[in-house]
Each structure stands twice: as structure tokens, then as C-alpha cells.
């Protein structure tokens, strides 16, 4: 991965974390239009960034990497900021997902 790809992945992850947090806030609110529109805007920005990553890295790697990074990041936000919990089996699934993405992104042989 190039430094640009890492930066774009980080930026898209921040957008998706903010969007997920905004969506959770909307769900807890009285269906506020502000939170709904903010959620849609943040998801749109995140997906536009992903288009560049797909072009640079390929669809399979970019989307797999993004999905697992978001999976971990959003779960951390859900656990620590919103007080949600995951069952032990779900936690094991998160660990396996991280292992899977590590295997996908390891350098290929000759």
C-alpha cells in the first residue's frame, strides 16, 4: 500500500465512523432531520473517497480492507461511546475478520 492509499483509507474510515455515530445519534433522537442529513453527507463523502481507493488498489482489496478497518473502528465506537456490547462469538468473528484482512493484504510472492 502506498502512503496515499493509507491516508485515503484513514480518511474514509474517519468519515464512516462519523457517519455511523451520526446515524446512532439520529436513531436515539426524535428522528432529527439534521442528524439524518449529516449521516447521508458523511456516508457520501466516505464512498467518494472509496472510489479512488478502488481505482488505486482494485475493488477486492480496497473494499475488503475498508470493511474490516471500519468493522473494528465502528465496534470500538459502539462499545466505548455508546455502551453497546458484543457476544463472545461475535468477538471471535471480529478477531477472525482482522486475521483474514491481514492475510489478504500481505505482500504476494514472486
Foldseek 3Di string as FASTA:
>chain_A
DDPVLVVLLVVLLVLQLVLVVLVVVCVVDPNDPVSVVSNVVSNVVSVVSLVVNCVVPNDVLSVLVSVLVNVVSNVVCCCPPVVDDDDPVVVVVNVVSVVVNCVVPPDDDD
